[in-house]
Amino acid sequence: KALICYGKSPVTTNILNLLPSLQLLVTASTGFNHIDLDECRSRGIAVA
């Protein structure tokens, strides 16, 4: 349900497809250019 990532560990649509139960994505960074934010929003995945 929860995943922690950072800039050198991108969270792509392919990653999200493999995690259908994911509800929270926490990045250990300030930026988000390694995260597919639009895809997270469409799936209802919270991002912090």
ModelCIF file with pLDDT and N, C-alpha, C, O atoms, coordinates in Angstrom:
data_MODEL
#
_entry.id   MODEL 
#
_entity.id                         1 
_entity.type                       polymer 
_entity.pdbx_number_of_molecules   1 
#
_entity_poly.entity_id                      1 
_entity_poly.type                           'polypeptide(L)' 
_entity_poly.nstd_linkage                   no 
_entity_poly.nstd_monomer                   no 
_entity_poly.pdbx_seq_one_letter_code       KALICYGKSPVTTNILNLLPSLQLLVTASTGFNHIDLDECRSRGIAVA 
_entity_poly.pdbx_seq_one_letter_code_can   KALICYGKSPVTTNILNLLPSLQLLVTASTGFNHIDLDECRSRGIAVA 
_entity_poly.pdbx_strand_id                 A 
#
loop_
_entity_poly_seq.entity_id 
_entity_poly_seq.num 
_entity_poly_seq.mon_id 
_entity_poly_seq.hetero 
1 1  LYS n 
1 2  ALA n 
1 3  LEU n 
1 4  ILE n 
1 5  CYS n 
1 6  TYR n 
1 7  GLY n 
1 8  LYS n 
1 9  SER n 
1 10 PRO n 
1 11 VAL n 
1 12 THR n 
1 13 THR n 
1 14 ASN n 
1 15 ILE n 
1 16 LEU n 
1 17 ASN n 
1 18 LEU n 
1 19 LEU n 
1 20 PRO n 
1 21 SER n 
1 22 LEU n 
1 23 GLN n 
1 24 LEU n 
1 25 LEU n 
1 26 VAL n 
1 27 THR n 
1 28 ALA n 
1 29 SER n 
1 30 THR n 
1 31 GLY n 
1 32 PHE n 
1 33 ASN n 
1 34 HIS n 
1 35 ILE n 
1 36 ASP n 
1 37 LEU n 
1 38 ASP n 
1 39 GLU n 
1 40 CYS n 
1 41 ARG n 
1 42 SER n 
1 43 ARG n 
1 44 GLY n 
1 45 ILE n 
1 46 ALA n 
1 47 VAL n 
1 48 ALA n 
#
_struct_asym.id          A 
_struct_asym.entity_id   1 
#
loop_
_ma_qa_metric.id 
_ma_qa_metric.mode 
_ma_qa_metric.name 
_ma_qa_metric.software_group_id 
_ma_qa_metric.type 
1 global pLDDT . pLDDT 
2 local  pLDDT . pLDDT 
#
_ma_qa_metric_global.metric_id      1 
_ma_qa_metric_global.metric_value   94.75 
_ma_qa_metric_global.model_id       1 
_ma_qa_metric_global.ordinal_id     1 
#
loop_
_ma_qa_metric_local.label_asym_id 
_ma_qa_metric_local.label_comp_id 
_ma_qa_metric_local.label_seq_id 
_ma_qa_metric_local.metric_id 
_ma_qa_metric_local.metric_value 
_ma_qa_metric_local.model_id 
_ma_qa_metric_local.ordinal_id 
A LYS 1  2 98.00 1 1  
A ALA 2  2 98.00 1 2  
A LEU 3  2 98.00 1 3  
A ILE 4  2 98.00 1 4  
A CYS 5  2 97.00 1 5  
A TYR 6  2 94.00 1 6  
A GLY 7  2 88.00 1 7  
A LYS 8  2 88.00 1 8  
A SER 9  2 91.00 1 9  
A PRO 10 2 93.00 1 10 
A VAL 11 2 96.00 1 11 
A THR 12 2 95.00 1 12 
A THR 13 2 96.00 1 13 
A ASN 14 2 96.00 1 14 
A ILE 15 2 97.00 1 15 
A LEU 16 2 97.00 1 16 
A ASN 17 2 97.00 1 17 
A LEU 18 2 97.00 1 18 
A LEU 19 2 98.00 1 19 
A PRO 20 2 97.00 1 20 
A SER 21 2 97.00 1 21 
A LEU 22 2 98.00 1 22 
A GLN 23 2 98.00 1 23 
A LEU 24 2 98.00 1 24 
A LEU 25 2 97.00 1 25 
A VAL 26 2 97.00 1 26 
A THR 27 2 96.00 1 27 
A ALA 28 2 96.00 1 28 
A SER 29 2 92.00 1 29 
A THR 30 2 88.00 1 30 
A GLY 31 2 83.00 1 31 
A PHE 32 2 85.00 1 32 
A ASN 33 2 82.00 1 33 
A HIS 34 2 91.00 1 34 
A ILE 35 2 94.00 1 35 
A ASP 36 2 94.00 1 36 
A LEU 37 2 94.00 1 37 
A ASP 38 2 94.00 1 38 
A GLU 39 2 96.00 1 39 
A CYS 40 2 97.00 1 40 
A ARG 41 2 96.00 1 41 
A SER 42 2 97.00 1 42 
A ARG 43 2 97.00 1 43 
A GLY 44 2 97.00 1 44 
A ILE 45 2 97.00 1 45 
A ALA 46 2 96.00 1 46 
A VAL 47 2 96.00 1 47 
A ALA 48 2 96.00 1 48 
#
loop_
_atom_site.group_PDB 
_atom_site.id 
_atom_site.type_symbol 
_atom_site.label_atom_id 
_atom_site.label_alt_id 
_atom_site.label_comp_id 
_atom_site.label_asym_id 
_atom_site.label_entity_id 
_atom_site.label_seq_id 
_atom_site.pdbx_PDB_ins_code 
_atom_site.Cartn_x 
_atom_site.Cartn_y 
_atom_site.Cartn_z 
_atom_site.occupancy 
_atom_site.B_iso_or_equiv 
_atom_site.pdbx_formal_charge 
_atom_site.auth_seq_id 
_atom_site.auth_comp_id 
_atom_site.auth_asym_id 
_atom_site.auth_atom_id 
_atom_site.pdbx_PDB_model_num 
ATOM 1   N N  . LYS A 1 1  ? 0.815  -1.217 0.000   1.00 98.00 ? 1  LYS A N  1 
ATOM 2   C CA . LYS A 1 1  ? 0.000  0.000  0.000   1.00 98.00 ? 1  LYS A CA 1 
ATOM 3   C C  . LYS A 1 1  ? 0.852  1.272  0.000   1.00 98.00 ? 1  LYS A C  1 
ATOM 4   O O  . LYS A 1 1  ? 0.379  2.338  -0.395  1.00 98.00 ? 1  LYS A O  1 
ATOM 5   N N  . ALA A 1 2  ? 2.109  1.159  0.444   1.00 98.00 ? 2  ALA A N  1 
ATOM 6   C CA . ALA A 1 2  ? 2.970  2.339  0.551   1.00 98.00 ? 2  ALA A CA 1 
ATOM 7   C C  . ALA A 1 2  ? 4.339  2.060  -0.060  1.00 98.00 ? 2  ALA A C  1 
ATOM 8   O O  . ALA A 1 2  ? 4.900  0.977  0.109   1.00 98.00 ? 2  ALA A O  1 
ATOM 9   N N  . LEU A 1 3  ? 4.863  3.043  -0.766  1.00 98.00 ? 3  LEU A N  1 
ATOM 10  C CA . LEU A 1 3  ? 6.154  2.938  -1.452  1.00 98.00 ? 3  LEU A CA 1 
ATOM 11  C C  . LEU A 1 3  ? 6.968  4.190  -1.179  1.00 98.00 ? 3  LEU A C  1 
ATOM 12  O O  . LEU A 1 3  ? 6.449  5.304  -1.246  1.00 98.00 ? 3  LEU A O  1 
ATOM 13  N N  . ILE A 1 4  ? 8.248  4.004  -0.870  1.00 98.00 ? 4  ILE A N  1 
ATOM 14  C CA . ILE A 1 4  ? 9.156  5.148  -0.720  1.00 98.00 ? 4  ILE A CA 1 
ATOM 15  C C  . ILE A 1 4  ? 10.139 5.128  -1.890  1.00 98.00 ? 4  ILE A C  1 
ATOM 16  O O  . ILE A 1 4  ? 10.702 4.085  -2.224  1.00 98.00 ? 4  ILE A O  1 
ATOM 17  N N  . CYS A 1 5  ? 10.339 6.303  -2.513  1.00 97.00 ? 5  CYS A N  1 
ATOM 18  C CA . CYS A 1 5  ? 11.213 6.387  -3.679  1.00 97.00 ? 5  CYS A CA 1 
ATOM 19  C C  . CYS A 1 5  ? 12.077 7.638  -3.583  1.00 97.00 ? 5  CYS A C  1 
ATOM 20  O O  . CYS A 1 5  ? 12.034 8.352  -2.581  1.00 97.00 ? 5  CYS A O  1 
ATOM 21  N N  . TYR A 1 6  ? 12.862 7.902  -4.627  1.00 94.00 ? 6  TYR A N  1 
ATOM 22  C CA . TYR A 1 6  ? 13.635 9.149  -4.718  1.00 94.00 ? 6  TYR A CA 1 
ATOM 23  C C  . TYR A 1 6  ? 13.994 9.387  -6.169  1.00 94.00 ? 6  TYR A C  1 
ATOM 24  O O  . TYR A 1 6  ? 13.561 8.638  -7.045  1.00 94.00 ? 6  TYR A O  1 
ATOM 25  N N  . GLY A 1 7  ? 14.776 10.415 -6.434  1.00 88.00 ? 7  GLY A N  1 
ATOM 26  C CA . GLY A 1 7  ? 15.010 10.865 -7.798  1.00 88.00 ? 7  GLY A CA 1 
ATOM 27  C C  . GLY A 1 7  ? 15.596 9.834  -8.733  1.00 88.00 ? 7  GLY A C  1 
ATOM 28  O O  . GLY A 1 7  ? 15.288 9.837  -9.924  1.00 88.00 ? 7  GLY A O  1 
ATOM 29  N N  . LYS A 1 8  ? 16.441 8.946  -8.216  1.00 88.00 ? 8  LYS A N  1 
ATOM 30  C CA . LYS A 1 8  ? 17.068 7.945  -9.067  1.00 88.00 ? 8  LYS A CA 1 
ATOM 31  C C  . LYS A 1 8  ? 16.304 6.622  -9.071  1.00 88.00 ? 8  LYS A C  1 
ATOM 32  O O  . LYS A 1 8  ? 16.800 5.606  -9.560  1.00 88.00 ? 8  LYS A O  1 
ATOM 33  N N  . SER A 1 9  ? 15.098 6.648  -8.522  1.00 91.00 ? 9  SER A N  1 
ATOM 34  C CA . SER A 1 9  ? 14.227 5.474  -8.525  1.00 91.00 ? 9  SER A CA 1 
ATOM 35  C C  . SER A 1 9  ? 12.868 5.891  -9.067  1.00 91.00 ? 9  SER A C  1 
ATOM 36  O O  . SER A 1 9  ? 11.923 6.057  -8.296  1.00 91.00 ? 9  SER A O  1 
ATOM 37  N N  . PRO A 1 10 ? 12.755 6.062  -10.383 1.00 93.00 ? 10 PRO A N  1 
ATOM 38  C CA . PRO A 1 10 ? 11.527 6.606  -10.983 1.00 93.00 ? 10 PRO A CA 1 
ATOM 39  C C  . PRO A 1 10 ? 10.314 5.703  -10.763 1.00 93.00 ? 10 PRO A C  1 
ATOM 40  O O  . PRO A 1 10 ? 10.415 4.476  -10.763 1.00 93.00 ? 10 PRO A O  1 
ATOM 41  N N  . VAL A 1 11 ? 9.177  6.346  -10.578 1.00 96.00 ? 11 VAL A N  1 
ATOM 42  C CA . VAL A 1 11 ? 7.916  5.614  -10.461 1.00 96.00 ? 11 VAL A CA 1 
ATOM 43  C C  . VAL A 1 11 ? 7.106  5.924  -11.716 1.00 96.00 ? 11 VAL A C  1 
ATOM 44  O O  . VAL A 1 11 ? 6.481  6.977  -11.837 1.00 96.00 ? 11 VAL A O  1 
ATOM 45  N N  . THR A 1 12 ? 7.139  4.979  -12.635 1.00 95.00 ? 12 THR A N  1 
ATOM 46  C CA . THR A 1 12 ? 6.506  5.133  -13.948 1.00 95.00 ? 12 THR A CA 1 
ATOM 47  C C  . THR A 1 12 ? 5.156  4.437  -13.978 1.00 95.00 ? 12 THR A C  1 
ATOM 48  O O  . THR A 1 12 ? 4.753  3.778  -13.019 1.00 95.00 ? 12 THR A O  1 
ATOM 49  N N  . THR A 1 13 ? 4.463  4.597  -15.106 1.00 96.00 ? 13 THR A N  1 
ATOM 50  C CA . THR A 1 13 ? 3.200  3.896  -15.288 1.00 96.00 ? 13 THR A CA 1 
ATOM 51  C C  . THR A 1 13 ? 3.393  2.398  -15.200 1.00 96.00 ? 13 THR A C  1 
ATOM 52  O O  . THR A 1 13 ? 2.542  1.695  -14.655 1.00 96.00 ? 13 THR A O  1 
ATOM 53  N N  . ASN A 1 14 ? 4.502  1.896  -15.731 1.00 96.00 ? 14 ASN A N  1 
ATOM 54  C CA . ASN A 1 14 ? 4.774  0.456  -15.679 1.00 96.00 ? 14 ASN A CA 1 
ATOM 55  C C  . ASN A 1 14 ? 4.903  -0.038 -14.243 1.00 96.00 ? 14 ASN A C  1 
ATOM 56  O O  . ASN A 1 14 ? 4.401  -1.108 -13.897 1.00 96.00 ? 14 ASN A O  1 
ATOM 57  N N  . ILE A 1 15 ? 5.581  0.752  -13.407 1.00 97.00 ? 15 ILE A N  1 
ATOM 58  C CA . ILE A 1 15 ? 5.706  0.397  -11.987 1.00 97.00 ? 15 ILE A CA 1 
ATOM 59  C C  . ILE A 1 15 ? 4.335  0.389  -11.332 1.00 97.00 ? 15 ILE A C  1 
ATOM 60  O O  . ILE A 1 15 ? 4.004  -0.533 -10.587 1.00 97.00 ? 15 ILE A O  1 
ATOM 61  N N  . LEU A 1 16 ? 3.545  1.406  -11.604 1.00 97.00 ? 16 LEU A N  1 
ATOM 62  C CA . LEU A 1 16 ? 2.221  1.514  -10.995 1.00 97.00 ? 16 LEU A CA 1 
ATOM 63  C C  . LEU A 1 16 ? 1.307  0.381  -11.439 1.00 97.00 ? 16 LEU A C  1 
ATOM 64  O O  . LEU A 1 16 ? 0.468  -0.084 -10.667 1.00 97.00 ? 16 LEU A O  1 
ATOM 65  N N  . ASN A 1 17 ? 1.465  -0.060 -12.669 1.00 97.00 ? 17 ASN A N  1 
ATOM 66  C CA . ASN A 1 17 ? 0.644  -1.175 -13.162 1.00 97.00 ? 17 ASN A CA 1 
ATOM 67  C C  . ASN A 1 17 ? 0.906  -2.459 -12.384 1.00 97.00 ? 17 ASN A C  1 
ATOM 68  O O  . ASN A 1 17 ? 0.027  -3.312 -12.263 1.00 97.00 ? 17 ASN A O  1 
ATOM 69  N N  . LEU A 1 18 ? 2.114  -2.587 -11.862 1.00 97.00 ? 18 LEU A N  1 
ATOM 70  C CA . LEU A 1 18 ? 2.478  -3.780 -11.100 1.00 97.00 ? 18 LEU A CA 1 
ATOM 71  C C  . LEU A 1 18 ? 2.049  -3.710 -9.634  1.00 97.00 ? 18 LEU A C  1 
ATOM 72  O O  . LEU A 1 18 ? 2.173  -4.683 -8.891  1.00 97.00 ? 18 LEU A O  1 
ATOM 73  N N  . LEU A 1 19 ? 1.542  -2.540 -9.231  1.00 98.00 ? 19 LEU A N  1 
ATOM 74  C CA . LEU A 1 19 ? 1.167  -2.325 -7.823  1.00 98.00 ? 19 LEU A CA 1 
ATOM 75  C C  . LEU A 1 19 ? -0.277 -1.829 -7.719  1.00 98.00 ? 19 LEU A C  1 
ATOM 76  O O  . LEU A 1 19 ? -0.502 -0.668 -7.379  1.00 98.00 ? 19 LEU A O  1 
ATOM 77  N N  . PRO A 1 20 ? -1.239 -2.674 -8.001  1.00 97.00 ? 20 PRO A N  1 
ATOM 78  C CA . PRO A 1 20 ? -2.644 -2.238 -8.032  1.00 97.00 ? 20 PRO A CA 1 
ATOM 79  C C  . PRO A 1 20 ? -3.207 -1.812 -6.677  1.00 97.00 ? 20 PRO A C  1 
ATOM 80  O O  . PRO A 1 20 ? -4.218 -1.112 -6.620  1.00 97.00 ? 20 PRO A O  1 
ATOM 81  N N  . SER A 1 21 ? -2.562 -2.229 -5.586  1.00 97.00 ? 21 SER A N  1 
ATOM 82  C CA . SER A 1 21 ? -3.062 -1.885 -4.247  1.00 97.00 ? 21 SER A CA 1 
ATOM 83  C C  . SER A 1 21 ? -2.383 -0.653 -3.656  1.00 97.00 ? 21 SER A C  1 
ATOM 84  O O  . SER A 1 21 ? -2.684 -0.253 -2.531  1.00 97.00 ? 21 SER A O  1 
ATOM 85  N N  . LEU A 1 22 ? -1.465 -0.052 -4.416  1.00 98.00 ? 22 LEU A N  1 
ATOM 86  C CA . LEU A 1 22 ? -0.707 1.086  -3.896  1.00 98.00 ? 22 LEU A CA 1 
ATOM 87  C C  . LEU A 1 22 ? -1.631 2.273  -3.614  1.00 98.00 ? 22 LEU A C  1 
ATOM 88  O O  . LEU A 1 22 ? -2.471 2.633  -4.439  1.00 98.00 ? 22 LEU A O  1 
ATOM 89  N N  . GLN A 1 23 ? -1.462 2.868  -2.441  1.00 98.00 ? 23 GLN A N  1 
ATOM 90  C CA . GLN A 1 23 ? -2.287 4.014  -2.039  1.00 98.00 ? 23 GLN A CA 1 
ATOM 91  C C  . GLN A 1 23 ? -1.461 5.252  -1.680  1.00 98.00 ? 23 GLN A C  1 
ATOM 92  O O  . GLN A 1 23 ? -1.971 6.372  -1.696  1.00 98.00 ? 23 GLN A O  1 
ATOM 93  N N  . LEU A 1 24 ? -0.175 5.041  -1.354  1.00 98.00 ? 24 LEU A N  1 
ATOM 94  C CA . LEU A 1 24 ? 0.678  6.166  -0.950  1.00 98.00 ? 24 LEU A CA 1 
ATOM 95  C C  . LEU A 1 24 ? 2.062  6.024  -1.565  1.00 98.00 ? 24 LEU A C  1 
ATOM 96  O O  . LEU A 1 24 ? 2.665  4.951  -1.546  1.00 98.00 ? 24 LEU A O  1 
ATOM 97  N N  . LEU A 1 25 ? 2.544  7.121  -2.105  1.00 97.00 ? 25 LEU A N  1 
ATOM 98  C CA . LEU A 1 25 ? 3.901  7.189  -2.641  1.00 97.00 ? 25 LEU A CA 1 
ATOM 99  C C  . LEU A 1 25 ? 4.605  8.351  -1.940  1.00 97.00 ? 25 LEU A C  1 
ATOM 100 O O  . LEU A 1 25 ? 4.205  9.507  -2.082  1.00 97.00 ? 25 LEU A O  1 
ATOM 101 N N  . VAL A 1 26 ? 5.654  8.033  -1.186  1.00 97.00 ? 26 VAL A N  1 
ATOM 102 C CA . VAL A 1 26 ? 6.422  9.059  -0.475  1.00 97.00 ? 26 VAL A CA 1 
ATOM 103 C C  . VAL A 1 26 ? 7.793  9.159  -1.134  1.00 97.00 ? 26 VAL A C  1 
ATOM 104 O O  . VAL A 1 26 ? 8.501  8.158  -1.253  1.00 97.00 ? 26 VAL A O  1 
ATOM 105 N N  . THR A 1 27 ? 8.162  10.338 -1.553  1.00 96.00 ? 27 THR A N  1 
ATOM 106 C CA . THR A 1 27 ? 9.483  10.526 -2.143  1.00 96.00 ? 27 THR A CA 1 
ATOM 107 C C  . THR A 1 27 ? 10.407 11.215 -1.143  1.00 96.00 ? 27 THR A C  1 
ATOM 108 O O  . THR A 1 27 ? 10.021 12.174 -0.475  1.00 96.00 ? 27 THR A O  1 
ATOM 109 N N  . ALA A 1 28 ? 11.626 10.708 -1.056  1.00 96.00 ? 28 ALA A N  1 
ATOM 110 C CA . ALA A 1 28 ? 12.624 11.269 -0.143  1.00 96.00 ? 28 ALA A CA 1 
ATOM 111 C C  . ALA A 1 28 ? 13.346 12.430 -0.811  1.00 96.00 ? 28 ALA A C  1 
ATOM 112 O O  . ALA A 1 28 ? 14.572 12.533 -0.756  1.00 96.00 ? 28 ALA A O  1 
ATOM 113 N N  . SER A 1 29 ? 12.577 13.292 -1.434  1.00 92.00 ? 29 SER A N  1 
ATOM 114 C CA . SER A 1 29 ? 13.119 14.440 -2.162  1.00 92.00 ? 29 SER A CA 1 
ATOM 115 C C  . SER A 1 29 ? 12.074 15.540 -2.184  1.00 92.00 ? 29 SER A C  1 
ATOM 116 O O  . SER A 1 29 ? 10.920 15.336 -1.805  1.00 92.00 ? 29 SER A O  1 
ATOM 117 N N  . THR A 1 30 ? 12.507 16.720 -2.640  1.00 88.00 ? 30 THR A N  1 
ATOM 118 C CA . THR A 1 30 ? 11.562 17.824 -2.800  1.00 88.00 ? 30 THR A CA 1 
ATOM 119 C C  . THR A 1 30 ? 10.877 17.760 -4.157  1.00 88.00 ? 30 THR A C  1 
ATOM 120 O O  . THR A 1 30 ? 9.685  18.047 -4.266  1.00 88.00 ? 30 THR A O  1 
ATOM 121 N N  . GLY A 1 31 ? 11.629 17.383 -5.196  1.00 83.00 ? 31 GLY A N  1 
ATOM 122 C CA . GLY A 1 31 ? 11.102 17.369 -6.555  1.00 83.00 ? 31 GLY A CA 1 
ATOM 123 C C  . GLY A 1 31 ? 10.298 16.125 -6.875  1.00 83.00 ? 31 GLY A C  1 
ATOM 124 O O  . GLY A 1 31 ? 10.331 15.133 -6.147  1.00 83.00 ? 31 GLY A O  1 
ATOM 125 N N  . PHE A 1 32 ? 9.552  16.206 -8.017  1.00 85.00 ? 32 PHE A N  1 
ATOM 126 C CA . PHE A 1 32 ? 8.674  15.104 -8.420  1.00 85.00 ? 32 PHE A CA 1 
ATOM 127 C C  . PHE A 1 32 ? 8.905  14.656 -9.858  1.00 85.00 ? 32 PHE A C  1 
ATOM 128 O O  . PHE A 1 32 ? 8.106  13.884 -10.389 1.00 85.00 ? 32 PHE A O  1 
ATOM 129 N N  . ASN A 1 33 ? 9.983  15.122 -10.508 1.00 82.00 ? 33 ASN A N  1 
ATOM 130 C CA . ASN A 1 33 ? 10.124 14.814 -11.931 1.00 82.00 ? 33 ASN A CA 1 
ATOM 131 C C  . ASN A 1 33 ? 10.399 13.333 -12.192 1.00 82.00 ? 33 ASN A C  1 
ATOM 132 O O  . ASN A 1 33 ? 10.439 12.909 -13.346 1.00 82.00 ? 33 ASN A O  1 
ATOM 133 N N  . HIS A 1 34 ? 10.587 12.549 -11.138 1.00 91.00 ? 34 HIS A N  1 
ATOM 134 C CA . HIS A 1 34 ? 10.771 11.102 -11.275 1.00 91.00 ? 34 HIS A CA 1 
ATOM 135 C C  . HIS A 1 34 ? 9.471  10.329 -11.047 1.00 91.00 ? 34 HIS A C  1 
ATOM 136 O O  . HIS A 1 34 ? 9.468  9.098  -11.054 1.00 91.00 ? 34 HIS A O  1 
ATOM 137 N N  . ILE A 1 35 ? 8.367  11.054 -10.845 1.00 94.00 ? 35 ILE A N  1 
ATOM 138 C CA . ILE A 1 35 ? 7.075  10.427 -10.548 1.00 94.00 ? 35 ILE A CA 1 
ATOM 139 C C  . ILE A 1 35 ? 6.058  10.821 -11.606 1.00 94.00 ? 35 ILE A C  1 
ATOM 140 O O  . ILE A 1 35 ? 5.977  11.986 -11.993 1.00 94.00 ? 35 ILE A O  1 
ATOM 141 N N  . ASP A 1 36 ? 5.285  9.854  -12.071 1.00 94.00 ? 36 ASP A N  1 
ATOM 142 C CA . ASP A 1 36 ? 4.186  10.137 -13.005 1.00 94.00 ? 36 ASP A CA 1 
ATOM 143 C C  . ASP A 1 36 ? 2.993  10.622 -12.178 1.00 94.00 ? 36 ASP A C  1 
ATOM 144 O O  . ASP A 1 36 ? 2.119  9.841  -11.803 1.00 94.00 ? 36 ASP A O  1 
ATOM 145 N N  . LEU A 1 37 ? 2.978  11.925 -11.904 1.00 94.00 ? 37 LEU A N  1 
ATOM 146 C CA . LEU A 1 37 ? 1.953  12.494 -11.026 1.00 94.00 ? 37 LEU A CA 1 
ATOM 147 C C  . LEU A 1 37 ? 0.553  12.359 -11.608 1.00 94.00 ? 37 LEU A C  1 
ATOM 148 O O  . LEU A 1 37 ? -0.395 12.074 -10.877 1.00 94.00 ? 37 LEU A O  1 
ATOM 149 N N  . ASP A 1 38 ? 0.414  12.559 -12.909 1.00 94.00 ? 38 ASP A N  1 
ATOM 150 C CA . ASP A 1 38 ? -0.911 12.451 -13.537 1.00 94.00 ? 38 ASP A CA 1 
ATOM 151 C C  . ASP A 1 38 ? -1.476 11.048 -13.357 1.00 94.00 ? 38 ASP A C  1 
ATOM 152 O O  . ASP A 1 38 ? -2.659 10.875 -13.062 1.00 94.00 ? 38 ASP A O  1 
ATOM 153 N N  . GLU A 1 39 ? -0.616 10.052 -13.537 1.00 96.00 ? 39 GLU A N  1 
ATOM 154 C CA . GLU A 1 39 ? -1.070 8.665  -13.382 1.00 96.00 ? 39 GLU A CA 1 
ATOM 155 C C  . GLU A 1 39 ? -1.430 8.379  -11.927 1.00 96.00 ? 39 GLU A C  1 
ATOM 156 O O  . GLU A 1 39 ? -2.394 7.664  -11.654 1.00 96.00 ? 39 GLU A O  1 
ATOM 157 N N  . CYS A 1 40 ? -0.657 8.935  -10.992 1.00 97.00 ? 40 CYS A N  1 
ATOM 158 C CA . CYS A 1 40 ? -0.973 8.761  -9.572  1.00 97.00 ? 40 CYS A CA 1 
ATOM 159 C C  . CYS A 1 40 ? -2.328 9.378  -9.234  1.00 97.00 ? 40 CYS A C  1 
ATOM 160 O O  . CYS A 1 40 ? -3.128 8.785  -8.510  1.00 97.00 ? 40 CYS A O  1 
ATOM 161 N N  . ARG A 1 41 ? -2.574 10.570 -9.763  1.00 96.00 ? 41 ARG A N  1 
ATOM 162 C CA . ARG A 1 41 ? -3.866 11.229 -9.503  1.00 96.00 ? 41 ARG A CA 1 
ATOM 163 C C  . ARG A 1 41 ? -5.020 10.414 -10.068 1.00 96.00 ? 41 ARG A C  1 
ATOM 164 O O  . ARG A 1 41 ? -6.053 10.257 -9.417  1.00 96.00 ? 41 ARG A O  1 
ATOM 165 N N  . SER A 1 42 ? -4.845 9.896  -11.276 1.00 97.00 ? 42 SER A N  1 
ATOM 166 C CA . SER A 1 42 ? -5.930 9.138  -11.907 1.00 97.00 ? 42 SER A CA 1 
ATOM 167 C C  . SER A 1 42 ? -6.229 7.847  -11.152 1.00 97.00 ? 42 SER A C  1 
ATOM 168 O O  . SER A 1 42 ? -7.347 7.336  -11.218 1.00 97.00 ? 42 SER A O  1 
ATOM 169 N N  . ARG A 1 43 ? -5.242 7.318  -10.437 1.00 97.00 ? 43 ARG A N  1 
ATOM 170 C CA . ARG A 1 43 ? -5.429 6.081  -9.672  1.00 97.00 ? 43 ARG A CA 1 
ATOM 171 C C  . ARG A 1 43 ? -5.789 6.354  -8.215  1.00 97.00 ? 43 ARG A C  1 
ATOM 172 O O  . ARG A 1 43 ? -6.039 5.420  -7.453  1.00 97.00 ? 43 ARG A O  1 
ATOM 173 N N  . GLY A 1 44 ? -5.818 7.636  -7.820  1.00 97.00 ? 44 GLY A N  1 
ATOM 174 C CA . GLY A 1 44 ? -6.133 7.975  -6.443  1.00 97.00 ? 44 GLY A CA 1 
ATOM 175 C C  . GLY A 1 44 ? -5.010 7.688  -5.473  1.00 97.00 ? 44 GLY A C  1 
ATOM 176 O O  . GLY A 1 44 ? -5.248 7.472  -4.285  1.00 97.00 ? 44 GLY A O  1 
ATOM 177 N N  . ILE A 1 45 ? -3.778 7.686  -5.978  1.00 97.00 ? 45 ILE A N  1 
ATOM 178 C CA . ILE A 1 45 ? -2.612 7.436  -5.127  1.00 97.00 ? 45 ILE A CA 1 
ATOM 179 C C  . ILE A 1 45 ? -2.109 8.760  -4.555  1.00 97.00 ? 45 ILE A C  1 
ATOM 180 O O  . ILE A 1 45 ? -1.782 9.676  -5.310  1.00 97.00 ? 45 ILE A O  1 
ATOM 181 N N  . ALA A 1 46 ? -2.047 8.864  -3.252  1.00 96.00 ? 46 ALA A N  1 
ATOM 182 C CA . ALA A 1 46 ? -1.539 10.072 -2.601  1.00 96.00 ? 46 ALA A CA 1 
ATOM 183 C C  . ALA A 1 46 ? -0.025 10.141 -2.769  1.00 96.00 ? 46 ALA A C  1 
ATOM 184 O O  . ALA A 1 46 ? 0.663  9.121  -2.738  1.00 96.00 ? 46 ALA A O  1 
ATOM 185 N N  . VAL A 1 47 ? 0.485  11.362 -2.948  1.00 96.00 ? 47 VAL A N  1 
ATOM 186 C CA . VAL A 1 47 ? 1.924  11.575 -3.110  1.00 96.00 ? 47 VAL A CA 1 
ATOM 187 C C  . VAL A 1 47 ? 2.389  12.614 -2.093  1.00 96.00 ? 47 VAL A C  1 
ATOM 188 O O  . VAL A 1 47 ? 1.766  13.665 -1.941  1.00 96.00 ? 47 VAL A O  1 
ATOM 189 N N  . ALA A 1 48 ? 3.477  12.318 -1.404  1.00 96.00 ? 48 ALA A N  1 
ATOM 190 C CA . ALA A 1 48 ? 4.021  13.253 -0.414  1.00 96.00 ? 48 ALA A CA 1 
ATOM 191 C C  . ALA A 1 48 ? 5.525  13.393 -0.630  1.00 96.00 ? 48 ALA A C  1 
ATOM 192 O O  . ALA A 1 48 ? 6.187  14.135 0.096   1.00 96.00 ? 48 ALA A O  1 
#
